[in-house]
């Protein structure tokens, strides 16, 4: 029989003590789970951030190419490279059009490789393919000069990439400066291109 009278506010200390012990037992478990969740979140965030930083800041070179053909756009060369080479995309990150295939002269297109910051397939040097940005101009510059509008688009793109990724103009190179090839053609003078980029960047 309870010794409490109606309106008695005294506590049943034994009952309260049992509740407190249950809380004390469950609290450390909740605390451990909560702490572990925070730790996992922090680790995932750090790795995600590091991966993003590496993806965005790994580039050290820009390699310039020509298609060696006076016709086509990104879609055209993507299909050629997928069918003939078995690659997932066109070999380059950027393509600068010459006005054929319903494009505008100097129009710049980005490949899926660039959108995902993936390695390119533009040279036989794996290191350069991984750490380099590949730019191709539609045209055969062994046979003729680069149209002024297309050349201007090239310079503007190179300046933007050099600024964004802190790439020195001396690391803007032509394909033929890496391996034995005529690319990007004798009429695309890479020394002049580098000087134009330096001038645009305000370098001497």
N, C-alpha and C. Protein backbone atom coordinates (compact mmCIF):
# COMPACT_ATOMS: atom_id res chain seq x y z
N UNK A 1 0.85 -1.19 0.00
CA UNK A 1 0.00 0.00 0.00
C UNK A 1 0.88 1.23 0.00
N UNK A 2 0.58 2.17 -0.89
CA UNK A 2 1.40 3.37 -1.00
C UNK A 2 1.22 4.26 0.20
N UNK A 3 2.33 4.84 0.63
CA UNK A 3 2.29 5.74 1.78
C UNK A 3 2.01 7.17 1.36
N UNK A 4 1.86 7.37 0.02
CA UNK A 4 1.60 8.72 -0.47
C UNK A 4 0.14 9.07 -0.28
N UNK A 5 -0.12 10.27 0.11
CA UNK A 5 -1.48 10.78 0.22
C UNK A 5 -1.81 11.58 -1.01
N UNK A 6 -3.09 11.76 -1.32
CA UNK A 6 -3.46 12.60 -2.47
C UNK A 6 -2.81 13.97 -2.35
N UNK A 7 -2.19 14.38 -3.45
CA UNK A 7 -1.54 15.69 -3.45
C UNK A 7 -0.12 15.65 -2.94
N UNK A 8 0.34 14.45 -2.49
CA UNK A 8 1.71 14.33 -1.99
C UNK A 8 2.67 14.40 -3.17
N UNK A 9 3.64 15.31 -3.14
CA UNK A 9 4.56 15.52 -4.26
C UNK A 9 5.90 14.83 -4.04
N UNK A 10 6.01 14.04 -2.99
CA UNK A 10 7.27 13.34 -2.77
C UNK A 10 7.53 12.33 -3.88
N UNK A 11 8.80 12.12 -4.25
CA UNK A 11 9.17 11.23 -5.35
C UNK A 11 9.41 9.82 -4.85
N UNK A 12 9.13 8.89 -5.71
CA UNK A 12 9.49 7.50 -5.43
C UNK A 12 10.95 7.36 -5.84
N UNK A 13 11.87 7.51 -4.89
CA UNK A 13 13.29 7.60 -5.22
C UNK A 13 13.84 6.32 -5.84
N UNK A 14 13.35 5.17 -5.43
CA UNK A 14 13.83 3.91 -6.00
C UNK A 14 13.48 3.83 -7.48
N UNK A 15 12.24 4.21 -7.82
CA UNK A 15 11.79 4.17 -9.22
C UNK A 15 12.58 5.16 -10.07
N UNK A 16 12.81 6.35 -9.52
CA UNK A 16 13.57 7.38 -10.24
C UNK A 16 15.01 6.95 -10.45
N UNK A 17 15.59 6.29 -9.46
CA UNK A 17 16.98 5.84 -9.55
C UNK A 17 17.15 4.81 -10.66
N UNK A 18 16.16 3.92 -10.81
CA UNK A 18 16.21 2.92 -11.88
C UNK A 18 16.19 3.59 -13.25
N UNK A 19 15.35 4.62 -13.42
CA UNK A 19 15.28 5.35 -14.69
C UNK A 19 16.61 6.03 -15.01
N UNK A 20 17.21 6.64 -13.98
CA UNK A 20 18.49 7.33 -14.17
C UNK A 20 19.58 6.36 -14.61
N UNK A 21 19.57 5.14 -14.02
CA UNK A 21 20.58 4.15 -14.39
C UNK A 21 20.42 3.72 -15.85
N UNK A 22 19.16 3.57 -16.30
CA UNK A 22 18.90 3.21 -17.70
C UNK A 22 19.42 4.30 -18.64
N UNK A 23 19.19 5.56 -18.27
CA UNK A 23 19.65 6.68 -19.09
C UNK A 23 21.17 6.70 -19.16
N UNK A 24 21.81 6.42 -18.00
CA UNK A 24 23.27 6.42 -17.96
C UNK A 24 23.85 5.32 -18.85
N UNK A 25 23.16 4.17 -18.92
CA UNK A 25 23.64 3.07 -19.75
C UNK A 25 23.48 3.38 -21.24
N UNK A 26 22.36 4.01 -21.62
CA UNK A 26 22.08 4.26 -23.03
C UNK A 26 22.84 5.48 -23.57
N UNK A 27 23.15 6.44 -22.72
CA UNK A 27 23.78 7.68 -23.17
C UNK A 27 25.15 7.46 -23.83
N UNK A 28 26.06 6.66 -23.24
CA UNK A 28 27.36 6.43 -23.89
C UNK A 28 27.23 5.81 -25.28
N UNK A 29 26.28 4.90 -25.48
CA UNK A 29 26.08 4.26 -26.78
C UNK A 29 25.67 5.28 -27.82
N UNK A 30 24.71 6.12 -27.45
CA UNK A 30 24.25 7.18 -28.37
C UNK A 30 25.38 8.13 -28.70
N UNK A 31 26.17 8.45 -27.67
CA UNK A 31 27.29 9.38 -27.86
C UNK A 31 28.32 8.80 -28.82
N UNK A 32 28.61 7.50 -28.69
CA UNK A 32 29.59 6.84 -29.56
C UNK A 32 29.09 6.81 -31.00
N UNK A 33 27.81 6.47 -31.18
CA UNK A 33 27.23 6.42 -32.53
C UNK A 33 27.27 7.80 -33.17
N UNK A 34 26.89 8.81 -32.40
CA UNK A 34 26.87 10.18 -32.91
C UNK A 34 28.28 10.64 -33.28
N UNK A 35 29.23 10.34 -32.40
CA UNK A 35 30.62 10.73 -32.66
C UNK A 35 31.20 10.04 -33.88
N UNK A 36 30.87 8.74 -34.04
CA UNK A 36 31.34 7.98 -35.20
C UNK A 36 30.77 8.55 -36.49
N UNK A 37 29.49 8.91 -36.45
CA UNK A 37 28.84 9.48 -37.64
C UNK A 37 29.52 10.78 -38.05
N UNK A 38 29.84 11.62 -37.07
CA UNK A 38 30.52 12.89 -37.37
C UNK A 38 31.91 12.63 -37.95
N UNK A 39 32.63 11.65 -37.39
CA UNK A 39 33.97 11.32 -37.88
C UNK A 39 33.92 10.83 -39.32
N UNK A 40 32.97 9.96 -39.63
CA UNK A 40 32.82 9.44 -41.00
C UNK A 40 32.51 10.58 -41.95
N UNK A 41 31.61 11.47 -41.54
CA UNK A 41 31.25 12.62 -42.38
C UNK A 41 32.47 13.49 -42.67
N UNK A 42 33.28 13.72 -41.64
CA UNK A 42 34.48 14.56 -41.81
C UNK A 42 35.48 13.91 -42.76
N UNK A 43 35.67 12.59 -42.61
CA UNK A 43 36.62 11.87 -43.48
C UNK A 43 36.15 11.91 -44.93
N UNK A 44 34.86 11.64 -45.14
CA UNK A 44 34.31 11.67 -46.50
C UNK A 44 34.44 13.07 -47.10
N UNK A 45 34.18 14.09 -46.30
CA UNK A 45 34.27 15.47 -46.78
C UNK A 45 35.70 15.83 -47.18
N UNK A 46 36.66 15.39 -46.36
CA UNK A 46 38.07 15.67 -46.65
C UNK A 46 38.49 15.00 -47.96
N UNK A 47 38.13 13.72 -48.12
CA UNK A 47 38.50 13.01 -49.34
C UNK A 47 37.81 13.60 -50.57
N UNK A 48 36.54 13.99 -50.42
CA UNK A 48 35.81 14.59 -51.53
C UNK A 48 36.45 15.92 -51.91
N UNK A 49 36.83 16.70 -50.90
CA UNK A 49 37.47 17.98 -51.16
C UNK A 49 38.82 17.81 -51.82
N UNK A 50 39.59 16.82 -51.35
CA UNK A 50 40.91 16.56 -51.93
C UNK A 50 40.78 16.10 -53.37
N UNK A 51 39.79 15.26 -53.62
CA UNK A 51 39.58 14.76 -54.98
C UNK A 51 39.21 15.91 -55.92
N UNK A 52 38.34 16.80 -55.44
CA UNK A 52 37.94 17.95 -56.25
C UNK A 52 39.15 18.85 -56.51
N UNK A 53 39.95 19.11 -55.47
CA UNK A 53 41.12 19.97 -55.63
C UNK A 53 42.08 19.37 -56.65
N UNK A 54 42.33 18.07 -56.54
CA UNK A 54 43.25 17.41 -57.45
C UNK A 54 42.72 17.45 -58.88
N UNK A 55 41.43 17.23 -59.03
CA UNK A 55 40.82 17.25 -60.37
C UNK A 55 40.96 18.61 -61.02
N UNK A 56 40.83 19.66 -60.22
CA UNK A 56 40.83 21.02 -60.76
C UNK A 56 42.23 21.62 -60.88
N UNK A 57 43.21 21.10 -60.14
CA UNK A 57 44.51 21.77 -60.07
C UNK A 57 45.68 20.92 -60.55
N UNK A 58 45.42 19.77 -61.15
CA UNK A 58 46.53 18.91 -61.55
C UNK A 58 47.19 19.34 -62.86
N UNK A 59 46.54 20.19 -63.64
CA UNK A 59 47.03 20.50 -64.98
C UNK A 59 48.31 21.32 -64.95
N UNK A 60 49.28 20.89 -65.78
CA UNK A 60 50.59 21.54 -65.82
C UNK A 60 51.01 21.96 -67.23
N UNK A 61 50.30 21.47 -68.24
CA UNK A 61 50.66 21.76 -69.63
C UNK A 61 49.40 22.01 -70.45
N UNK A 62 49.59 22.69 -71.58
CA UNK A 62 48.54 22.79 -72.61
C UNK A 62 49.18 22.36 -73.92
N UNK A 63 48.55 21.42 -74.60
CA UNK A 63 49.09 20.90 -75.86
C UNK A 63 48.16 21.28 -77.00
N UNK A 64 48.73 21.88 -78.04
CA UNK A 64 47.95 22.37 -79.19
C UNK A 64 48.10 21.42 -80.37
N UNK A 65 46.97 21.13 -81.03
CA UNK A 65 46.93 20.21 -82.17
C UNK A 65 46.15 20.83 -83.32
N UNK A 66 46.25 20.20 -84.49
CA UNK A 66 45.29 20.48 -85.57
C UNK A 66 44.68 19.15 -86.00
N UNK A 67 43.53 19.22 -86.65
CA UNK A 67 42.86 17.98 -87.06
C UNK A 67 43.45 17.39 -88.33
N UNK A 68 44.26 18.21 -89.05
CA UNK A 68 44.84 17.80 -90.34
C UNK A 68 43.76 17.60 -91.40
N UNK A 69 42.59 18.14 -91.14
CA UNK A 69 41.47 18.10 -92.08
C UNK A 69 40.73 19.42 -91.96
N UNK A 70 40.22 19.92 -93.08
CA UNK A 70 39.56 21.23 -93.06
C UNK A 70 38.06 21.15 -92.85
N UNK A 71 37.57 20.00 -92.42
CA UNK A 71 36.12 19.88 -92.19
C UNK A 71 35.87 19.19 -90.85
N UNK A 72 34.76 19.61 -90.22
CA UNK A 72 34.30 18.88 -89.04
C UNK A 72 34.06 19.77 -87.83
N UNK A 73 33.40 19.19 -86.85
CA UNK A 73 33.17 19.84 -85.56
C UNK A 73 33.41 18.79 -84.47
N UNK A 74 33.09 19.13 -83.24
CA UNK A 74 33.35 18.20 -82.14
C UNK A 74 32.59 16.89 -82.32
N UNK A 75 31.33 16.98 -82.69
CA UNK A 75 30.53 15.77 -82.87
C UNK A 75 31.12 14.87 -83.94
N UNK A 76 31.56 15.48 -85.04
CA UNK A 76 32.14 14.72 -86.15
C UNK A 76 33.39 13.96 -85.70
N UNK A 77 34.30 14.65 -85.03
CA UNK A 77 35.55 14.00 -84.63
C UNK A 77 35.36 13.04 -83.45
N UNK A 78 34.36 13.31 -82.63
CA UNK A 78 34.04 12.36 -81.55
C UNK A 78 33.64 11.02 -82.16
N UNK A 79 32.78 11.06 -83.17
CA UNK A 79 32.34 9.82 -83.82
C UNK A 79 33.50 9.11 -84.50
N UNK A 80 34.39 9.87 -85.13
CA UNK A 80 35.56 9.28 -85.78
C UNK A 80 36.44 8.57 -84.75
N UNK A 81 36.71 9.24 -83.65
CA UNK A 81 37.60 8.66 -82.63
C UNK A 81 36.96 7.48 -81.91
N UNK A 82 35.66 7.54 -81.72
CA UNK A 82 34.98 6.42 -81.07
C UNK A 82 34.96 5.19 -81.97
N UNK A 83 34.70 5.39 -83.25
CA UNK A 83 34.60 4.26 -84.18
C UNK A 83 35.97 3.71 -84.57
N UNK A 84 36.92 4.61 -84.86
CA UNK A 84 38.22 4.17 -85.37
C UNK A 84 39.22 3.84 -84.27
N UNK A 85 39.12 4.53 -83.12
CA UNK A 85 40.10 4.33 -82.05
C UNK A 85 39.53 3.59 -80.84
N UNK A 86 38.21 3.55 -80.74
CA UNK A 86 37.60 2.88 -79.59
C UNK A 86 37.64 3.70 -78.32
N UNK A 87 37.84 5.03 -78.45
CA UNK A 87 37.89 5.90 -77.28
C UNK A 87 36.49 6.30 -76.85
N UNK A 88 36.38 6.77 -75.62
CA UNK A 88 35.06 7.15 -75.09
C UNK A 88 34.59 8.50 -75.62
N UNK A 89 35.52 9.30 -76.12
CA UNK A 89 35.18 10.65 -76.58
C UNK A 89 36.23 11.08 -77.60
N UNK A 90 36.09 12.29 -78.11
CA UNK A 90 37.13 12.87 -78.94
C UNK A 90 38.42 12.92 -78.11
N UNK A 91 39.57 12.95 -78.76
CA UNK A 91 40.85 12.85 -78.04
C UNK A 91 41.19 14.09 -77.24
N UNK A 92 40.47 15.20 -77.46
CA UNK A 92 40.87 16.49 -76.91
C UNK A 92 39.86 17.04 -75.90
N UNK A 93 40.31 18.04 -75.16
CA UNK A 93 39.41 18.72 -74.21
C UNK A 93 38.62 19.84 -74.89
N UNK A 94 39.28 20.55 -75.80
CA UNK A 94 38.64 21.68 -76.49
C UNK A 94 38.87 21.56 -78.00
N UNK A 95 37.87 21.98 -78.77
CA UNK A 95 37.99 22.04 -80.23
C UNK A 95 37.59 23.44 -80.69
N UNK A 96 38.42 24.03 -81.56
CA UNK A 96 38.14 25.37 -82.09
C UNK A 96 37.77 25.22 -83.56
N UNK A 97 36.55 25.59 -83.88
CA UNK A 97 36.00 25.37 -85.22
C UNK A 97 36.51 26.37 -86.25
N UNK A 98 36.35 25.96 -87.52
CA UNK A 98 36.76 26.84 -88.63
C UNK A 98 35.58 27.27 -89.50
N UNK A 99 34.37 27.06 -89.01
CA UNK A 99 33.20 27.52 -89.75
C UNK A 99 32.54 26.46 -90.60
N UNK A 100 33.10 25.25 -90.64
CA UNK A 100 32.47 24.17 -91.39
C UNK A 100 31.51 23.41 -90.48
N UNK A 101 30.77 22.47 -91.05
CA UNK A 101 29.84 21.61 -90.30
C UNK A 101 28.85 22.43 -89.46
N UNK A 102 28.34 23.50 -90.07
CA UNK A 102 27.33 24.35 -89.42
C UNK A 102 27.83 25.00 -88.12
N UNK A 103 29.10 25.33 -88.08
CA UNK A 103 29.66 26.02 -86.91
C UNK A 103 30.10 27.42 -87.31
N UNK A 104 30.48 28.21 -86.33
CA UNK A 104 31.00 29.56 -86.58
C UNK A 104 32.52 29.54 -86.52
N UNK A 105 33.15 30.37 -87.32
CA UNK A 105 34.60 30.47 -87.29
C UNK A 105 35.06 30.91 -85.90
N UNK A 106 35.96 30.12 -85.30
CA UNK A 106 36.49 30.45 -83.99
C UNK A 106 35.65 29.95 -82.83
N UNK A 107 34.52 29.31 -83.13
CA UNK A 107 33.65 28.78 -82.06
C UNK A 107 34.38 27.69 -81.29
N UNK A 108 34.32 27.77 -79.96
CA UNK A 108 35.01 26.80 -79.10
C UNK A 108 33.99 25.81 -78.53
N UNK A 109 34.31 24.52 -78.65
CA UNK A 109 33.46 23.48 -78.08
C UNK A 109 34.25 22.70 -77.02
N UNK A 110 33.56 22.33 -75.95
CA UNK A 110 34.16 21.53 -74.88
C UNK A 110 33.72 20.08 -75.01
N UNK A 111 34.65 19.16 -74.89
CA UNK A 111 34.30 17.74 -74.94
C UNK A 111 33.86 17.27 -73.57
N UNK A 112 33.31 16.06 -73.53
CA UNK A 112 32.93 15.47 -72.24
C UNK A 112 34.16 15.21 -71.37
N UNK A 113 35.30 14.99 -72.01
CA UNK A 113 36.54 14.79 -71.25
C UNK A 113 36.84 16.01 -70.38
N UNK A 114 36.57 17.19 -70.94
CA UNK A 114 36.83 18.40 -70.16
C UNK A 114 35.79 18.60 -69.07
N UNK A 115 34.55 18.31 -69.39
CA UNK A 115 33.48 18.50 -68.41
C UNK A 115 33.70 17.64 -67.17
N UNK A 116 34.34 16.50 -67.35
CA UNK A 116 34.63 15.61 -66.22
C UNK A 116 36.09 15.71 -65.79
N UNK A 117 36.85 16.62 -66.44
CA UNK A 117 38.28 16.81 -66.17
C UNK A 117 39.04 15.48 -66.27
N UNK A 118 38.68 14.69 -67.29
CA UNK A 118 39.34 13.41 -67.50
C UNK A 118 40.62 13.57 -68.31
N UNK A 119 41.48 12.58 -68.27
CA UNK A 119 42.69 12.60 -69.09
C UNK A 119 42.30 12.56 -70.56
N UNK A 120 43.18 13.08 -71.41
CA UNK A 120 42.90 13.08 -72.84
C UNK A 120 43.68 11.97 -73.54
N UNK A 121 43.47 11.83 -74.85
CA UNK A 121 44.13 10.78 -75.63
C UNK A 121 44.97 11.36 -76.77
N UNK A 122 45.40 12.61 -76.61
CA UNK A 122 45.93 13.35 -77.76
C UNK A 122 47.38 13.07 -78.11
N UNK A 123 48.16 12.48 -77.20
CA UNK A 123 49.56 12.18 -77.50
C UNK A 123 49.88 10.75 -77.08
N UNK A 124 51.11 10.34 -77.36
CA UNK A 124 51.57 9.01 -76.93
C UNK A 124 52.32 9.09 -75.60
N UNK A 125 52.30 10.27 -74.99
CA UNK A 125 52.98 10.47 -73.71
C UNK A 125 51.92 10.48 -72.60
N UNK A 126 51.84 9.41 -71.85
CA UNK A 126 50.79 9.27 -70.83
C UNK A 126 50.82 10.39 -69.80
N UNK A 127 52.02 10.78 -69.39
CA UNK A 127 52.15 11.85 -68.39
C UNK A 127 51.51 13.14 -68.89
N UNK A 128 51.77 13.48 -70.14
CA UNK A 128 51.20 14.70 -70.72
C UNK A 128 49.69 14.56 -70.89
N UNK A 129 49.24 13.39 -71.27
CA UNK A 129 47.80 13.18 -71.43
C UNK A 129 47.06 13.36 -70.11
N UNK A 130 47.71 13.00 -69.01
CA UNK A 130 47.06 13.10 -67.70
C UNK A 130 47.17 14.50 -67.12
N UNK A 131 48.33 15.13 -67.28
CA UNK A 131 48.55 16.45 -66.67
C UNK A 131 48.42 17.60 -67.68
N UNK A 132 48.02 17.28 -68.90
CA UNK A 132 47.90 18.32 -69.92
C UNK A 132 46.47 18.57 -70.36
N UNK A 133 46.23 19.78 -70.83
CA UNK A 133 44.95 20.15 -71.43
C UNK A 133 45.14 20.15 -72.94
N UNK A 134 44.33 19.38 -73.65
CA UNK A 134 44.49 19.23 -75.10
C UNK A 134 43.52 20.14 -75.85
N UNK A 135 44.09 20.95 -76.75
CA UNK A 135 43.29 21.88 -77.57
C UNK A 135 43.57 21.57 -79.03
N UNK A 136 42.52 21.42 -79.83
CA UNK A 136 42.69 21.13 -81.25
C UNK A 136 41.95 22.17 -82.09
N UNK A 137 42.56 22.58 -83.19
CA UNK A 137 41.93 23.48 -84.14
C UNK A 137 41.55 22.67 -85.38
N UNK A 138 40.35 22.91 -85.89
CA UNK A 138 39.94 22.25 -87.13
C UNK A 138 40.68 22.92 -88.29
N UNK A 139 41.40 22.12 -89.06
CA UNK A 139 42.16 22.65 -90.19
C UNK A 139 43.44 21.88 -90.40
N UNK A 140 44.01 22.03 -91.59
CA UNK A 140 45.29 21.41 -91.90
C UNK A 140 46.31 22.52 -92.09
N UNK A 141 47.08 22.82 -91.05
CA UNK A 141 47.99 23.95 -91.08
C UNK A 141 49.37 23.59 -91.61
N UNK A 142 49.46 22.41 -92.20
CA UNK A 142 50.60 22.10 -93.06
C UNK A 142 50.38 22.73 -94.43
N UNK A 143 49.10 22.90 -94.79
CA UNK A 143 48.76 23.38 -96.13
C UNK A 143 48.44 24.87 -96.19
N UNK A 144 47.98 25.44 -95.10
CA UNK A 144 47.60 26.86 -95.12
C UNK A 144 47.72 27.47 -93.73
N UNK A 145 47.66 28.79 -93.67
CA UNK A 145 47.78 29.51 -92.41
C UNK A 145 46.50 29.39 -91.59
N UNK A 146 46.63 29.66 -90.31
CA UNK A 146 45.47 29.65 -89.41
C UNK A 146 44.65 30.92 -89.66
N UNK A 147 43.35 30.81 -89.92
CA UNK A 147 42.52 32.00 -90.09
C UNK A 147 42.62 32.91 -88.86
N UNK A 148 42.68 34.24 -89.06
CA UNK A 148 42.86 35.18 -87.93
C UNK A 148 41.84 35.01 -86.80
N UNK A 149 40.58 34.80 -87.15
CA UNK A 149 39.55 34.66 -86.11
C UNK A 149 39.78 33.39 -85.29
N UNK A 150 40.17 32.33 -85.96
CA UNK A 150 40.44 31.06 -85.28
C UNK A 150 41.68 31.20 -84.39
N UNK A 151 42.67 31.89 -84.89
CA UNK A 151 43.89 32.12 -84.10
C UNK A 151 43.59 32.96 -82.86
N UNK A 152 42.75 33.96 -83.02
CA UNK A 152 42.38 34.82 -81.89
C UNK A 152 41.64 34.01 -80.82
N UNK A 153 40.76 33.11 -81.26
CA UNK A 153 40.05 32.25 -80.31
C UNK A 153 41.02 31.36 -79.56
N UNK A 154 42.03 30.86 -80.28
CA UNK A 154 43.04 30.02 -79.65
C UNK A 154 43.78 30.80 -78.56
N UNK A 155 44.24 32.01 -78.90
CA UNK A 155 44.98 32.82 -77.92
C UNK A 155 44.11 33.11 -76.70
N UNK A 156 42.86 33.49 -76.93
CA UNK A 156 41.96 33.81 -75.81
C UNK A 156 41.75 32.59 -74.90
N UNK A 157 41.59 31.43 -75.51
CA UNK A 157 41.40 30.20 -74.73
C UNK A 157 42.66 29.87 -73.94
N UNK A 158 43.81 29.98 -74.58
CA UNK A 158 45.07 29.67 -73.91
C UNK A 158 45.32 30.62 -72.73
N UNK A 159 45.01 31.89 -72.92
CA UNK A 159 45.19 32.87 -71.85
C UNK A 159 44.28 32.53 -70.67
N UNK A 160 43.04 32.20 -70.98
CA UNK A 160 42.08 31.86 -69.91
C UNK A 160 42.53 30.63 -69.13
N UNK A 161 42.97 29.61 -69.85
CA UNK A 161 43.42 28.38 -69.19
C UNK A 161 44.71 28.61 -68.40
N UNK A 162 45.62 29.40 -68.97
CA UNK A 162 46.88 29.69 -68.28
C UNK A 162 46.63 30.43 -66.97
N UNK A 163 45.69 31.37 -66.98
CA UNK A 163 45.34 32.11 -65.77
C UNK A 163 44.67 31.21 -64.74
N UNK A 164 43.70 30.45 -65.20
CA UNK A 164 42.90 29.62 -64.29
C UNK A 164 43.74 28.55 -63.61
N UNK A 165 44.64 27.93 -64.36
CA UNK A 165 45.39 26.80 -63.83
C UNK A 165 46.87 27.12 -63.58
N UNK A 166 47.20 28.40 -63.65
CA UNK A 166 48.55 28.86 -63.33
C UNK A 166 49.60 28.10 -64.15
N UNK A 167 49.35 28.03 -65.45
CA UNK A 167 50.26 27.33 -66.37
C UNK A 167 51.14 28.36 -67.08
N UNK A 168 52.45 28.29 -66.92
CA UNK A 168 53.34 29.25 -67.58
C UNK A 168 53.24 29.12 -69.11
N UNK A 169 53.33 30.22 -69.84
CA UNK A 169 53.28 30.15 -71.31
C UNK A 169 54.30 29.20 -71.92
N UNK A 170 55.45 29.03 -71.25
CA UNK A 170 56.47 28.12 -71.77
C UNK A 170 56.02 26.66 -71.75
N UNK A 171 54.95 26.39 -71.02
CA UNK A 171 54.41 25.03 -70.99
C UNK A 171 53.21 24.86 -71.92
N UNK A 172 53.02 25.84 -72.79
CA UNK A 172 52.05 25.70 -73.88
C UNK A 172 52.83 25.20 -75.08
N UNK A 173 52.59 23.98 -75.48
CA UNK A 173 53.45 23.34 -76.47
C UNK A 173 52.64 22.76 -77.63
N UNK A 174 53.29 22.64 -78.76
CA UNK A 174 52.68 21.98 -79.91
C UNK A 174 52.94 20.49 -79.85
N UNK A 175 52.06 19.73 -80.45
CA UNK A 175 52.18 18.27 -80.44
C UNK A 175 53.55 17.83 -80.95
N UNK A 176 54.05 18.49 -82.00
CA UNK A 176 55.33 18.10 -82.59
C UNK A 176 56.52 18.34 -81.66
N UNK A 177 56.31 19.15 -80.61
CA UNK A 177 57.38 19.40 -79.65
C UNK A 177 57.49 18.27 -78.62
N UNK A 178 56.57 17.32 -78.69
CA UNK A 178 56.58 16.17 -77.79
C UNK A 178 57.04 14.90 -78.49
N UNK A 179 56.66 14.76 -79.75
CA UNK A 179 56.98 13.54 -80.48
C UNK A 179 57.07 13.83 -81.97
N UNK A 180 57.51 12.85 -82.72
CA UNK A 180 57.73 13.05 -84.15
C UNK A 180 56.40 13.08 -84.90
N UNK A 181 55.97 14.26 -85.25
CA UNK A 181 54.72 14.47 -85.98
C UNK A 181 54.73 15.88 -86.57
N UNK A 182 53.93 16.10 -87.59
CA UNK A 182 53.83 17.44 -88.17
C UNK A 182 52.83 18.32 -87.40
N UNK A 183 52.00 17.71 -86.60
CA UNK A 183 50.95 18.41 -85.85
C UNK A 183 51.55 19.43 -84.87
N UNK A 184 51.05 20.63 -84.81
CA UNK A 184 49.84 21.18 -85.44
C UNK A 184 50.07 21.90 -86.77
N UNK A 185 51.09 21.52 -87.50
CA UNK A 185 51.32 22.09 -88.82
C UNK A 185 52.36 23.20 -88.83
N UNK A 186 53.09 23.32 -89.93
CA UNK A 186 54.19 24.28 -90.01
C UNK A 186 53.72 25.74 -90.00
N UNK A 187 52.44 25.97 -90.34
CA UNK A 187 51.92 27.33 -90.35
C UNK A 187 51.35 27.76 -88.99
N UNK A 188 51.40 26.87 -88.02
CA UNK A 188 51.00 27.25 -86.66
C UNK A 188 52.27 27.31 -85.83
N UNK A 189 52.82 28.49 -85.75
CA UNK A 189 54.11 28.71 -85.09
C UNK A 189 53.92 28.81 -83.57
N UNK A 190 54.37 27.81 -82.85
CA UNK A 190 54.13 27.78 -81.41
C UNK A 190 54.93 28.84 -80.65
N UNK A 191 56.09 29.22 -81.16
CA UNK A 191 56.86 30.29 -80.51
C UNK A 191 56.07 31.60 -80.55
N UNK A 192 55.44 31.87 -81.69
CA UNK A 192 54.62 33.08 -81.81
C UNK A 192 53.38 33.00 -80.92
N UNK A 193 52.81 31.81 -80.83
CA UNK A 193 51.63 31.62 -79.96
C UNK A 193 52.00 31.89 -78.51
N UNK A 194 53.13 31.35 -78.07
CA UNK A 194 53.56 31.57 -76.68
C UNK A 194 53.82 33.05 -76.41
N UNK A 195 54.43 33.74 -77.36
CA UNK A 195 54.70 35.16 -77.19
C UNK A 195 53.40 35.96 -77.11
N UNK A 196 52.42 35.58 -77.90
CA UNK A 196 51.12 36.26 -77.87
C UNK A 196 50.43 36.06 -76.52
N UNK A 197 50.55 34.85 -75.97
CA UNK A 197 49.96 34.56 -74.67
C UNK A 197 50.67 35.37 -73.58
N UNK A 198 52.00 35.41 -73.64
CA UNK A 198 52.78 36.19 -72.66
C UNK A 198 52.37 37.66 -72.70
N UNK A 199 52.21 38.18 -73.90
CA UNK A 199 51.83 39.58 -74.05
C UNK A 199 50.45 39.84 -73.44
N UNK A 200 49.52 38.93 -73.69
CA UNK A 200 48.17 39.07 -73.15
C UNK A 200 48.16 38.96 -71.62
N UNK A 201 49.09 38.19 -71.09
CA UNK A 201 49.19 38.02 -69.64
C UNK A 201 50.01 39.14 -68.99
N UNK A 202 50.58 40.00 -69.82
CA UNK A 202 51.38 41.11 -69.29
C UNK A 202 52.78 40.70 -68.91
N UNK A 203 53.24 39.56 -69.46
CA UNK A 203 54.60 39.10 -69.17
C UNK A 203 55.56 39.58 -70.25
N UNK A 204 56.85 39.63 -69.89
CA UNK A 204 57.87 40.04 -70.85
C UNK A 204 58.63 38.83 -71.35
